[in-house]
Amino acid sequence: MSPADQLYDEAIALQQAGKLEEAVGKLEALLVESPDYGLAHAALSVFCGKLDRHDEAVEHARKVCDLEPDDPFSYMALSITCQRAALLQEAERAMAQAMQKQWDLRQQA
């Protein structure tokens, strides 16, 4: 298991133990060493949202879309995160992108 995977697993264990702030800290430390670790950005988006740190949540959700530009779920998650942050126009754009990405995947099948 890579060091990044180990840190990620430790962060998830902290979150599951109800230690959300500590989990966020662990994920932030992970990203110092591995800034393109998509799962860490996705988890931080959710965790920061739960902590009412919506600006950070949106930034991490955007980063997931940058890292996984063909994944419809990434854009769906961004849309939900933006809705919670009251960024409704961006939420609508992200939802449209999610739908387009899903359509594109169906056309490739």
N, C-alpha and C. Protein backbone atom coordinates (compact mmCIF):
# COMPACT_ATOMS: atom_id res chain seq x y z
N MET A 1 0.84 -1.18 0.00
CA MET A 1 0.00 0.00 0.00
C MET A 1 0.89 1.24 0.00
N SER A 2 0.56 2.19 -0.84
CA SER A 2 1.36 3.41 -0.93
C SER A 2 1.14 4.28 0.31
N PRO A 3 2.10 5.17 0.60
CA PRO A 3 1.91 6.08 1.74
C PRO A 3 0.63 6.93 1.61
N ALA A 4 0.31 7.36 0.39
CA ALA A 4 -0.90 8.15 0.18
C ALA A 4 -2.14 7.32 0.50
N ASP A 5 -2.15 6.07 0.05
CA ASP A 5 -3.29 5.20 0.35
C ASP A 5 -3.42 4.97 1.86
N GLN A 6 -2.29 4.82 2.52
CA GLN A 6 -2.30 4.62 3.97
C GLN A 6 -2.89 5.84 4.68
N LEU A 7 -2.46 7.03 4.29
CA LEU A 7 -3.00 8.25 4.90
C LEU A 7 -4.49 8.40 4.62
N TYR A 8 -4.90 8.06 3.41
CA TYR A 8 -6.32 8.14 3.06
C TYR A 8 -7.13 7.20 3.96
N ASP A 9 -6.67 5.97 4.09
CA ASP A 9 -7.37 5.00 4.94
C ASP A 9 -7.43 5.48 6.39
N GLU A 10 -6.36 6.08 6.87
CA GLU A 10 -6.35 6.61 8.23
C GLU A 10 -7.37 7.75 8.38
N ALA A 11 -7.46 8.59 7.36
CA ALA A 11 -8.42 9.70 7.39
C ALA A 11 -9.85 9.18 7.42
N ILE A 12 -10.14 8.18 6.62
CA ILE A 12 -11.48 7.60 6.60
C ILE A 12 -11.81 6.96 7.94
N ALA A 13 -10.84 6.30 8.54
CA ALA A 13 -11.05 5.71 9.87
C ALA A 13 -11.36 6.80 10.90
N LEU A 14 -10.66 7.92 10.82
CA LEU A 14 -10.93 9.04 11.73
C LEU A 14 -12.35 9.57 11.52
N GLN A 15 -12.73 9.73 10.27
CA GLN A 15 -14.07 10.23 9.97
C GLN A 15 -15.13 9.27 10.52
N GLN A 16 -14.91 8.00 10.33
CA GLN A 16 -15.87 7.00 10.81
C GLN A 16 -15.93 6.95 12.33
N ALA A 17 -14.86 7.37 12.97
CA ALA A 17 -14.83 7.43 14.43
C ALA A 17 -15.40 8.75 14.96
N GLY A 18 -15.90 9.59 14.05
CA GLY A 18 -16.50 10.86 14.46
C GLY A 18 -15.50 11.99 14.64
N LYS A 19 -14.29 11.80 14.17
CA LYS A 19 -13.23 12.80 14.32
C LYS A 19 -13.03 13.50 12.97
N LEU A 20 -14.03 14.28 12.59
CA LEU A 20 -14.06 14.88 11.25
C LEU A 20 -12.94 15.89 11.05
N GLU A 21 -12.70 16.74 12.03
CA GLU A 21 -11.62 17.74 11.91
C GLU A 21 -10.27 17.05 11.74
N GLU A 22 -10.04 15.99 12.49
CA GLU A 22 -8.78 15.25 12.37
C GLU A 22 -8.67 14.58 11.00
N ALA A 23 -9.78 14.09 10.51
CA ALA A 23 -9.78 13.46 9.18
C ALA A 23 -9.41 14.49 8.12
N VAL A 24 -9.97 15.69 8.25
CA VAL A 24 -9.65 16.76 7.30
C VAL A 24 -8.16 17.07 7.36
N GLY A 25 -7.62 17.18 8.55
CA GLY A 25 -6.19 17.45 8.70
C GLY A 25 -5.32 16.38 8.06
N LYS A 26 -5.72 15.14 8.22
CA LYS A 26 -4.97 14.01 7.63
C LYS A 26 -5.01 14.09 6.11
N LEU A 27 -6.19 14.40 5.56
CA LEU A 27 -6.32 14.50 4.10
C LEU A 27 -5.55 15.70 3.55
N GLU A 28 -5.56 16.79 4.28
CA GLU A 28 -4.79 17.96 3.85
C GLU A 28 -3.30 17.64 3.84
N ALA A 29 -2.84 16.89 4.83
CA ALA A 29 -1.43 16.47 4.86
C ALA A 29 -1.12 15.56 3.68
N LEU A 30 -2.04 14.67 3.37
CA LEU A 30 -1.86 13.78 2.23
C LEU A 30 -1.67 14.58 0.95
N LEU A 31 -2.49 15.64 0.78
CA LEU A 31 -2.43 16.43 -0.45
C LEU A 31 -1.16 17.26 -0.58
N VAL A 32 -0.49 17.52 0.53
CA VAL A 32 0.81 18.20 0.45
C VAL A 32 1.80 17.31 -0.31
N GLU A 33 1.73 16.01 -0.02
CA GLU A 33 2.64 15.06 -0.65
C GLU A 33 2.13 14.57 -2.01
N SER A 34 0.82 14.47 -2.15
CA SER A 34 0.21 13.92 -3.38
C SER A 34 -0.96 14.82 -3.80
N PRO A 35 -0.65 15.97 -4.39
CA PRO A 35 -1.71 16.95 -4.68
C PRO A 35 -2.76 16.50 -5.69
N ASP A 36 -2.49 15.45 -6.44
CA ASP A 36 -3.44 14.97 -7.44
C ASP A 36 -4.16 13.69 -7.00
N TYR A 37 -4.22 13.44 -5.71
CA TYR A 37 -4.90 12.27 -5.18
C TYR A 37 -6.40 12.57 -5.14
N GLY A 38 -7.08 12.12 -6.16
CA GLY A 38 -8.49 12.47 -6.36
C GLY A 38 -9.41 12.07 -5.23
N LEU A 39 -9.21 10.89 -4.67
CA LEU A 39 -10.08 10.45 -3.58
C LEU A 39 -9.98 11.37 -2.37
N ALA A 40 -8.78 11.91 -2.12
CA ALA A 40 -8.62 12.83 -0.99
C ALA A 40 -9.40 14.11 -1.25
N HIS A 41 -9.35 14.61 -2.48
CA HIS A 41 -10.12 15.82 -2.80
C HIS A 41 -11.62 15.55 -2.68
N ALA A 42 -12.05 14.39 -3.14
CA ALA A 42 -13.48 14.05 -3.05
C ALA A 42 -13.92 13.96 -1.60
N ALA A 43 -13.13 13.30 -0.77
CA ALA A 43 -13.48 13.19 0.64
C ALA A 43 -13.45 14.56 1.32
N LEU A 44 -12.45 15.37 1.00
CA LEU A 44 -12.39 16.71 1.59
C LEU A 44 -13.58 17.55 1.18
N SER A 45 -14.04 17.38 -0.02
CA SER A 45 -15.22 18.11 -0.45
C SER A 45 -16.41 17.79 0.44
N VAL A 46 -16.61 16.52 0.70
CA VAL A 46 -17.73 16.09 1.55
C VAL A 46 -17.51 16.54 2.99
N PHE A 47 -16.32 16.28 3.52
CA PHE A 47 -16.06 16.58 4.92
C PHE A 47 -16.11 18.08 5.19
N CYS A 48 -15.52 18.88 4.31
CA CYS A 48 -15.57 20.33 4.49
C CYS A 48 -17.01 20.84 4.42
N GLY A 49 -17.79 20.26 3.54
CA GLY A 49 -19.20 20.63 3.48
C GLY A 49 -19.91 20.36 4.79
N LYS A 50 -19.63 19.21 5.39
CA LYS A 50 -20.26 18.86 6.67
C LYS A 50 -19.83 19.82 7.79
N LEU A 51 -18.65 20.40 7.63
CA LEU A 51 -18.14 21.36 8.61
C LEU A 51 -18.53 22.80 8.26
N ASP A 52 -19.42 22.96 7.29
CA ASP A 52 -19.86 24.29 6.81
C ASP A 52 -18.70 25.12 6.26
N ARG A 53 -17.70 24.47 5.73
CA ARG A 53 -16.58 25.14 5.07
C ARG A 53 -16.81 25.00 3.56
N HIS A 54 -17.88 25.65 3.10
CA HIS A 54 -18.38 25.43 1.75
C HIS A 54 -17.42 25.90 0.66
N ASP A 55 -16.71 26.99 0.89
CA ASP A 55 -15.76 27.44 -0.13
C ASP A 55 -14.69 26.38 -0.39
N GLU A 56 -14.19 25.80 0.69
CA GLU A 56 -13.19 24.74 0.55
C GLU A 56 -13.80 23.50 -0.11
N ALA A 57 -15.02 23.18 0.28
CA ALA A 57 -15.70 22.02 -0.31
C ALA A 57 -15.82 22.17 -1.82
N VAL A 58 -16.20 23.36 -2.26
CA VAL A 58 -16.34 23.60 -3.70
C VAL A 58 -14.99 23.50 -4.40
N GLU A 59 -13.96 24.06 -3.81
CA GLU A 59 -12.63 23.99 -4.43
C GLU A 59 -12.17 22.55 -4.61
N HIS A 60 -12.40 21.73 -3.61
CA HIS A 60 -12.00 20.32 -3.73
C HIS A 60 -12.86 19.60 -4.77
N ALA A 61 -14.14 19.91 -4.81
CA ALA A 61 -15.01 19.28 -5.82
C ALA A 61 -14.58 19.69 -7.23
N ARG A 62 -14.19 20.95 -7.40
CA ARG A 62 -13.69 21.40 -8.71
C ARG A 62 -12.42 20.63 -9.09
N LYS A 63 -11.56 20.42 -8.11
CA LYS A 63 -10.30 19.71 -8.37
C LYS A 63 -10.58 18.28 -8.82
N VAL A 64 -11.58 17.64 -8.22
CA VAL A 64 -11.93 16.28 -8.64
C VAL A 64 -12.32 16.29 -10.11
N CYS A 65 -13.09 17.29 -10.53
CA CYS A 65 -13.48 17.38 -11.94
C CYS A 65 -12.27 17.61 -12.84
N ASP A 66 -11.32 18.38 -12.36
CA ASP A 66 -10.09 18.58 -13.13
C ASP A 66 -9.32 17.26 -13.30
N LEU A 67 -9.29 16.48 -12.23
CA LEU A 67 -8.55 15.22 -12.24
C LEU A 67 -9.28 14.11 -12.97
N GLU A 68 -10.61 14.16 -12.96
CA GLU A 68 -11.44 13.11 -13.59
C GLU A 68 -12.42 13.77 -14.56
N PRO A 69 -11.94 14.38 -15.62
CA PRO A 69 -12.81 15.20 -16.48
C PRO A 69 -13.86 14.42 -17.26
N ASP A 70 -13.73 13.11 -17.36
CA ASP A 70 -14.72 12.31 -18.10
C ASP A 70 -15.70 11.58 -17.19
N ASP A 71 -15.60 11.79 -15.89
CA ASP A 71 -16.45 11.08 -14.93
C ASP A 71 -17.70 11.89 -14.61
N PRO A 72 -18.87 11.41 -15.03
CA PRO A 72 -20.11 12.15 -14.75
C PRO A 72 -20.35 12.36 -13.26
N PHE A 73 -19.98 11.38 -12.44
CA PHE A 73 -20.22 11.50 -11.01
C PHE A 73 -19.47 12.68 -10.41
N SER A 74 -18.28 12.97 -10.92
CA SER A 74 -17.50 14.10 -10.40
C SER A 74 -18.28 15.40 -10.57
N TYR A 75 -18.91 15.56 -11.71
CA TYR A 75 -19.69 16.78 -11.97
C TYR A 75 -20.99 16.80 -11.17
N MET A 76 -21.58 15.63 -10.96
CA MET A 76 -22.78 15.55 -10.13
C MET A 76 -22.44 15.97 -8.70
N ALA A 77 -21.32 15.47 -8.19
CA ALA A 77 -20.89 15.84 -6.84
C ALA A 77 -20.59 17.34 -6.76
N LEU A 78 -19.97 17.88 -7.80
CA LEU A 78 -19.71 19.32 -7.82
C LEU A 78 -21.03 20.09 -7.79
N SER A 79 -22.01 19.63 -8.54
CA SER A 79 -23.30 20.30 -8.56
C SER A 79 -23.93 20.33 -7.17
N ILE A 80 -23.93 19.20 -6.50
CA ILE A 80 -24.52 19.14 -5.16
C ILE A 80 -23.76 20.03 -4.19
N THR A 81 -22.44 20.00 -4.28
CA THR A 81 -21.61 20.82 -3.41
C THR A 81 -21.88 22.30 -3.65
N CYS A 82 -22.02 22.69 -4.90
CA CYS A 82 -22.31 24.09 -5.23
C CYS A 82 -23.71 24.50 -4.75
N GLN A 83 -24.66 23.58 -4.85
CA GLN A 83 -26.00 23.88 -4.33
C GLN A 83 -25.93 24.19 -2.85
N ARG A 84 -25.20 23.39 -2.12
CA ARG A 84 -25.08 23.59 -0.66
C ARG A 84 -24.35 24.89 -0.33
N ALA A 85 -23.50 25.34 -1.25
CA ALA A 85 -22.75 26.58 -1.05
C ALA A 85 -23.49 27.79 -1.64
N ALA A 86 -24.72 27.56 -2.13
CA ALA A 86 -25.55 28.62 -2.72
C ALA A 86 -24.93 29.20 -3.99
N LEU A 87 -24.19 28.39 -4.72
CA LEU A 87 -23.62 28.78 -6.02
C LEU A 87 -24.48 28.12 -7.10
N LEU A 88 -25.68 28.64 -7.26
CA LEU A 88 -26.68 27.95 -8.06
C LEU A 88 -26.36 27.92 -9.54
N GLN A 89 -25.79 28.97 -10.09
CA GLN A 89 -25.44 28.94 -11.51
C GLN A 89 -24.36 27.91 -11.79
N GLU A 90 -23.36 27.86 -10.93
CA GLU A 90 -22.31 26.85 -11.11
C GLU A 90 -22.88 25.45 -10.91
N ALA A 91 -23.80 25.30 -9.97
CA ALA A 91 -24.45 24.01 -9.75
C ALA A 91 -25.19 23.55 -11.00
N GLU A 92 -25.89 24.47 -11.64
CA GLU A 92 -26.63 24.13 -12.87
C GLU A 92 -25.67 23.75 -14.00
N ARG A 93 -24.56 24.49 -14.12
CA ARG A 93 -23.56 24.16 -15.15
C ARG A 93 -22.96 22.79 -14.91
N ALA A 94 -22.64 22.50 -13.65
CA ALA A 94 -22.05 21.21 -13.32
C ALA A 94 -23.03 20.07 -13.59
N MET A 95 -24.31 20.30 -13.29
CA MET A 95 -25.32 19.27 -13.56
C MET A 95 -25.43 19.03 -15.07
N ALA A 96 -25.40 20.10 -15.85
CA ALA A 96 -25.45 19.95 -17.31
C ALA A 96 -24.23 19.18 -17.81
N GLN A 97 -23.08 19.46 -17.24
CA GLN A 97 -21.87 18.73 -17.63
C GLN A 97 -21.98 17.26 -17.25
N ALA A 98 -22.53 16.98 -16.08
CA ALA A 98 -22.71 15.58 -15.66
C ALA A 98 -23.60 14.85 -16.64
N MET A 99 -24.68 15.48 -17.05
CA MET A 99 -25.60 14.86 -17.99
C MET A 99 -24.93 14.64 -19.34
N GLN A 100 -24.15 15.62 -19.80
CA GLN A 100 -23.45 15.49 -21.06
C GLN A 100 -22.42 14.37 -21.01
N LYS A 101 -21.68 14.29 -19.91
CA LYS A 101 -20.67 13.23 -19.75
C LYS A 101 -21.34 11.86 -19.76
N GLN A 102 -22.50 11.76 -19.09
CA GLN A 102 -23.22 10.49 -19.08
C GLN A 102 -23.69 10.14 -20.48
N TRP A 103 -24.20 11.12 -21.21
CA TRP A 103 -24.64 10.90 -22.59
C TRP A 103 -23.46 10.43 -23.45
N ASP A 104 -22.32 11.10 -23.28
CA ASP A 104 -21.14 10.73 -24.06
C ASP A 104 -20.73 9.28 -23.79
N LEU A 105 -20.79 8.85 -22.53
CA LEU A 105 -20.45 7.48 -22.19
C LEU A 105 -21.42 6.49 -22.83
N ARG A 106 -22.68 6.83 -22.86
CA ARG A 106 -23.67 5.94 -23.50
C ARG A 106 -23.42 5.82 -24.99
N GLN A 107 -23.01 6.90 -25.62
CA GLN A 107 -22.74 6.87 -27.04
C GLN A 107 -21.52 6.02 -27.38
N GLN A 108 -20.58 5.92 -26.45
CA GLN A 108 -19.38 5.13 -26.68
C GLN A 108 -19.64 3.63 -26.51
N ALA A 109 -20.68 3.29 -25.79
CA ALA A 109 -20.95 1.87 -25.48
C ALA A 109 -21.47 1.11 -26.68
